[in-house]
N, C-alpha and C. Protein backbone atom coordinates (compact mmCIF):
# COMPACT_ATOMS: atom_id res chain seq x y z
N GLY A 1 28.96 -75.08 35.94
CA GLY A 1 28.58 -75.18 34.56
C GLY A 1 28.43 -73.81 33.92
N GLN A 2 28.31 -73.79 32.64
CA GLN A 2 28.13 -72.55 31.90
C GLN A 2 26.67 -72.40 31.51
N SER A 3 26.16 -71.17 31.60
CA SER A 3 24.80 -70.94 31.16
C SER A 3 24.79 -70.91 29.63
N LEU A 4 23.61 -71.05 29.08
CA LEU A 4 23.48 -71.01 27.63
C LEU A 4 23.53 -69.59 27.10
N LEU A 5 23.52 -68.60 27.98
CA LEU A 5 23.49 -67.21 27.57
C LEU A 5 24.88 -66.60 27.63
N LEU A 6 25.48 -66.40 26.48
CA LEU A 6 26.75 -65.69 26.34
C LEU A 6 27.91 -66.36 27.08
N GLY A 7 27.81 -67.65 27.39
CA GLY A 7 28.91 -68.35 28.01
C GLY A 7 29.22 -67.95 29.44
N ARG A 8 28.33 -67.21 30.06
CA ARG A 8 28.57 -66.80 31.45
C ARG A 8 28.34 -67.98 32.38
N PRO A 9 28.98 -67.99 33.54
CA PRO A 9 28.73 -69.07 34.50
C PRO A 9 27.28 -69.02 34.97
N ALA A 10 26.72 -70.19 35.17
CA ALA A 10 25.34 -70.26 35.67
C ALA A 10 25.30 -69.75 37.11
N PRO A 11 24.23 -69.07 37.48
CA PRO A 11 24.12 -68.60 38.88
C PRO A 11 23.92 -69.79 39.81
N GLU A 12 24.19 -69.57 41.08
CA GLU A 12 23.96 -70.60 42.09
C GLU A 12 22.47 -70.92 42.12
N PRO A 13 22.10 -72.19 42.21
CA PRO A 13 20.67 -72.52 42.30
C PRO A 13 20.11 -72.09 43.64
N PRO A 14 18.82 -71.78 43.68
CA PRO A 14 18.22 -71.37 44.95
C PRO A 14 18.12 -72.56 45.90
N ARG A 15 17.94 -72.24 47.18
CA ARG A 15 17.79 -73.25 48.21
C ARG A 15 16.32 -73.33 48.62
N ALA A 16 15.95 -74.46 49.18
CA ALA A 16 14.56 -74.74 49.55
C ALA A 16 13.96 -73.64 50.42
N ALA A 17 14.69 -73.16 51.42
CA ALA A 17 14.15 -72.15 52.33
C ALA A 17 13.81 -70.86 51.60
N ALA A 18 14.65 -70.46 50.66
CA ALA A 18 14.38 -69.23 49.90
C ALA A 18 13.16 -69.40 49.01
N VAL A 19 13.03 -70.57 48.39
CA VAL A 19 11.87 -70.83 47.53
C VAL A 19 10.60 -70.89 48.36
N ALA A 20 10.65 -71.54 49.50
CA ALA A 20 9.48 -71.63 50.38
C ALA A 20 9.04 -70.24 50.83
N ALA A 21 9.99 -69.41 51.19
CA ALA A 21 9.64 -68.05 51.62
C ALA A 21 9.04 -67.26 50.46
N ARG A 22 9.62 -67.37 49.29
CA ARG A 22 9.14 -66.65 48.12
C ARG A 22 7.73 -67.09 47.73
N ASN A 23 7.43 -68.37 47.88
CA ASN A 23 6.14 -68.92 47.45
C ASN A 23 5.11 -69.04 48.57
N SER A 24 5.41 -68.59 49.75
CA SER A 24 4.52 -68.83 50.90
C SER A 24 3.11 -68.27 50.69
N GLY A 25 2.98 -67.10 50.13
CA GLY A 25 1.65 -66.53 49.91
C GLY A 25 0.84 -67.33 48.90
N THR A 26 1.46 -67.67 47.81
CA THR A 26 0.78 -68.45 46.78
C THR A 26 0.44 -69.84 47.30
N ASP A 27 1.38 -70.46 48.00
CA ASP A 27 1.12 -71.79 48.56
C ASP A 27 -0.04 -71.76 49.54
N ALA A 28 -0.17 -70.69 50.32
CA ALA A 28 -1.28 -70.57 51.27
C ALA A 28 -2.62 -70.50 50.55
N VAL A 29 -2.67 -69.77 49.45
CA VAL A 29 -3.91 -69.68 48.66
C VAL A 29 -4.28 -71.05 48.11
N PHE A 30 -3.30 -71.74 47.52
CA PHE A 30 -3.58 -73.06 46.96
C PHE A 30 -3.93 -74.07 48.04
N ALA A 31 -3.29 -74.00 49.18
CA ALA A 31 -3.61 -74.91 50.28
C ALA A 31 -5.05 -74.70 50.74
N ALA A 32 -5.49 -73.45 50.79
CA ALA A 32 -6.87 -73.16 51.18
C ALA A 32 -7.85 -73.71 50.13
N LEU A 33 -7.51 -73.57 48.87
CA LEU A 33 -8.37 -74.10 47.81
C LEU A 33 -8.46 -75.63 47.88
N ALA A 34 -7.42 -76.26 48.39
CA ALA A 34 -7.39 -77.72 48.46
C ALA A 34 -8.40 -78.28 49.45
N SER A 35 -9.00 -77.42 50.26
CA SER A 35 -10.05 -77.89 51.17
C SER A 35 -11.36 -78.16 50.43
N ARG A 36 -11.42 -77.73 49.18
CA ARG A 36 -12.62 -77.96 48.36
C ARG A 36 -12.60 -79.37 47.77
N PRO A 37 -13.76 -79.98 47.63
CA PRO A 37 -13.82 -81.32 47.05
C PRO A 37 -13.23 -81.34 45.63
N GLY A 38 -12.41 -82.33 45.38
CA GLY A 38 -11.84 -82.51 44.06
C GLY A 38 -10.60 -81.69 43.76
N VAL A 39 -10.16 -80.85 44.73
CA VAL A 39 -8.98 -80.02 44.51
C VAL A 39 -7.82 -80.61 45.29
N VAL A 40 -6.71 -80.80 44.60
CA VAL A 40 -5.50 -81.31 45.23
C VAL A 40 -4.40 -80.27 45.06
N PHE A 41 -3.74 -79.93 46.15
CA PHE A 41 -2.59 -79.01 46.10
C PHE A 41 -1.33 -79.84 46.30
N VAL A 42 -0.41 -79.71 45.38
CA VAL A 42 0.88 -80.39 45.49
C VAL A 42 1.95 -79.31 45.60
N ALA A 43 2.56 -79.19 46.77
CA ALA A 43 3.65 -78.23 46.96
C ALA A 43 4.85 -78.71 46.15
N LEU A 44 5.36 -77.86 45.30
CA LEU A 44 6.42 -78.27 44.40
C LEU A 44 7.82 -78.08 44.97
N ALA A 45 8.01 -77.12 45.85
CA ALA A 45 9.34 -76.87 46.40
C ALA A 45 9.95 -78.10 47.06
N PRO A 46 9.19 -78.87 47.85
CA PRO A 46 9.81 -80.07 48.44
C PRO A 46 10.24 -81.11 47.40
N VAL A 47 9.60 -81.09 46.24
CA VAL A 47 9.97 -82.02 45.17
C VAL A 47 11.20 -81.50 44.43
N LEU A 48 11.24 -80.21 44.16
CA LEU A 48 12.31 -79.63 43.36
C LEU A 48 13.56 -79.27 44.16
N CYS A 49 13.42 -79.05 45.46
CA CYS A 49 14.52 -78.53 46.27
C CYS A 49 14.79 -79.47 47.45
N THR A 50 15.94 -80.14 47.40
CA THR A 50 16.24 -81.13 48.44
C THR A 50 17.66 -81.01 48.98
N PRO A 51 18.15 -80.00 49.60
CA PRO A 51 17.59 -78.67 49.80
C PRO A 51 17.96 -77.68 48.71
N VAL A 52 18.87 -78.05 47.80
CA VAL A 52 19.20 -77.16 46.68
C VAL A 52 18.26 -77.50 45.53
N CYS A 53 17.70 -76.48 44.93
CA CYS A 53 16.71 -76.68 43.87
C CYS A 53 17.37 -77.15 42.58
N ALA A 54 16.72 -78.13 41.95
CA ALA A 54 17.21 -78.63 40.66
C ALA A 54 17.08 -77.54 39.61
N VAL A 55 18.10 -77.39 38.79
CA VAL A 55 18.03 -76.43 37.69
C VAL A 55 18.11 -77.12 36.34
N THR A 56 18.37 -78.44 36.36
CA THR A 56 18.35 -79.24 35.15
C THR A 56 17.64 -80.56 35.45
N ASP A 57 17.18 -81.23 34.40
CA ASP A 57 16.60 -82.55 34.61
C ASP A 57 17.73 -83.58 34.60
N ALA A 58 17.40 -84.86 34.70
CA ALA A 58 18.42 -85.91 34.77
C ALA A 58 19.28 -85.95 33.51
N GLY A 59 18.75 -85.48 32.39
CA GLY A 59 19.51 -85.45 31.15
C GLY A 59 20.33 -84.19 30.95
N GLY A 60 20.33 -83.30 31.94
CA GLY A 60 21.09 -82.06 31.84
C GLY A 60 20.38 -80.94 31.11
N ARG A 61 19.12 -81.13 30.74
CA ARG A 61 18.36 -80.09 30.05
C ARG A 61 17.87 -79.06 31.06
N PRO A 62 17.82 -77.78 30.68
CA PRO A 62 17.36 -76.75 31.61
C PRO A 62 15.95 -77.05 32.12
N ALA A 63 15.76 -76.90 33.42
CA ALA A 63 14.47 -77.19 34.04
C ALA A 63 13.53 -75.98 34.00
N TYR A 64 14.05 -74.80 33.70
CA TYR A 64 13.24 -73.58 33.73
C TYR A 64 13.38 -72.79 32.44
N ILE A 65 12.31 -72.07 32.08
CA ILE A 65 12.40 -71.15 30.95
C ILE A 65 12.66 -69.73 31.42
N ASP A 66 12.41 -69.47 32.71
CA ASP A 66 12.77 -68.21 33.36
C ASP A 66 12.92 -68.50 34.84
N ASP A 67 12.92 -67.49 35.69
CA ASP A 67 13.17 -67.75 37.11
C ASP A 67 11.99 -68.34 37.87
N ASP A 68 10.84 -68.52 37.24
CA ASP A 68 9.67 -69.07 37.93
C ASP A 68 8.98 -70.21 37.20
N HIS A 69 9.20 -70.36 35.92
CA HIS A 69 8.39 -71.28 35.12
C HIS A 69 9.21 -72.44 34.58
N LEU A 70 8.71 -73.64 34.84
CA LEU A 70 9.40 -74.84 34.37
C LEU A 70 9.35 -74.96 32.85
N SER A 71 10.42 -75.49 32.31
CA SER A 71 10.43 -75.84 30.90
C SER A 71 9.66 -77.15 30.74
N ARG A 72 9.41 -77.54 29.52
CA ARG A 72 8.75 -78.82 29.28
C ARG A 72 9.58 -79.95 29.87
N ALA A 73 10.89 -79.90 29.64
CA ALA A 73 11.78 -80.93 30.18
C ALA A 73 11.74 -80.95 31.70
N GLY A 74 11.72 -79.79 32.31
CA GLY A 74 11.65 -79.72 33.77
C GLY A 74 10.34 -80.25 34.32
N ALA A 75 9.25 -79.88 33.67
CA ALA A 75 7.93 -80.34 34.14
C ALA A 75 7.80 -81.85 34.02
N ILE A 76 8.24 -82.39 32.91
CA ILE A 76 8.11 -83.83 32.71
C ILE A 76 9.16 -84.59 33.52
N GLY A 77 10.40 -84.16 33.42
CA GLY A 77 11.49 -84.89 34.06
C GLY A 77 11.52 -84.81 35.57
N LEU A 78 11.11 -83.67 36.12
CA LEU A 78 11.22 -83.50 37.57
C LEU A 78 9.90 -83.67 38.31
N LEU A 79 8.79 -83.35 37.66
CA LEU A 79 7.52 -83.32 38.39
C LEU A 79 6.50 -84.38 38.00
N ALA A 80 6.57 -84.91 36.82
CA ALA A 80 5.50 -85.80 36.36
C ALA A 80 5.26 -86.94 37.34
N GLY A 81 6.29 -87.63 37.75
CA GLY A 81 6.13 -88.76 38.67
C GLY A 81 5.60 -88.34 40.03
N PRO A 82 6.25 -87.39 40.71
CA PRO A 82 5.77 -86.99 42.04
C PRO A 82 4.37 -86.38 42.04
N VAL A 83 4.03 -85.60 41.03
CA VAL A 83 2.69 -85.01 40.98
C VAL A 83 1.65 -86.10 40.71
N HIS A 84 1.94 -86.98 39.79
CA HIS A 84 1.04 -88.11 39.51
C HIS A 84 0.81 -88.91 40.79
N ASP A 85 1.88 -89.24 41.49
CA ASP A 85 1.76 -90.03 42.72
C ASP A 85 0.96 -89.29 43.78
N ALA A 86 1.18 -87.99 43.91
CA ALA A 86 0.46 -87.21 44.92
C ALA A 86 -1.04 -87.18 44.62
N ILE A 87 -1.39 -86.95 43.37
CA ILE A 87 -2.80 -86.86 43.01
C ILE A 87 -3.47 -88.22 43.03
N TRP A 88 -2.90 -89.18 42.33
CA TRP A 88 -3.54 -90.49 42.22
C TRP A 88 -3.40 -91.29 43.50
N GLY A 89 -2.33 -91.07 44.25
CA GLY A 89 -2.21 -91.73 45.54
C GLY A 89 -3.28 -91.26 46.51
N ARG A 90 -3.57 -89.97 46.50
CA ARG A 90 -4.64 -89.44 47.34
C ARG A 90 -5.99 -89.96 46.89
N ALA A 91 -6.19 -90.03 45.58
CA ALA A 91 -7.47 -90.52 45.07
C ALA A 91 -7.67 -91.98 45.47
N ALA A 92 -6.61 -92.77 45.38
CA ALA A 92 -6.71 -94.19 45.75
C ALA A 92 -6.99 -94.35 47.24
N ARG A 93 -6.33 -93.52 48.07
CA ARG A 93 -6.58 -93.59 49.51
C ARG A 93 -7.99 -93.17 49.84
N ALA A 94 -8.52 -92.14 49.15
CA ALA A 94 -9.88 -91.68 49.40
C ALA A 94 -10.89 -92.76 49.00
N THR A 95 -10.63 -93.41 47.88
CA THR A 95 -11.52 -94.48 47.42
C THR A 95 -11.49 -95.65 48.39
N ALA A 96 -10.35 -95.96 48.93
CA ALA A 96 -10.22 -97.07 49.88
C ALA A 96 -10.97 -96.80 51.17
N HIS A 97 -11.12 -95.52 51.51
CA HIS A 97 -11.79 -95.16 52.76
C HIS A 97 -13.30 -94.98 52.59
N ASP A 98 -13.79 -94.99 51.36
CA ASP A 98 -15.23 -94.78 51.10
C ASP A 98 -16.02 -96.02 51.42
């Protein structure tokens, strides 16, 4: 496909292993915070990269506004369902075990 910038070809999307390596430090901090009550950490790379990372949503809209930050379309189209399920699924399981 063509990028929206000057008609140049879009770069190859990153792969899951590269994203995991790049985010490993940040993911470790968030995983540690998730040990606190009420904190849920949802790793995004496994959702976005299977194993090639999505760069557009299902409608073909750009998923990112830069190399690290999701666009509104990307956040809603790619993550809303999985993040909702991860958070509320955990809450439902915790309530069931109480």
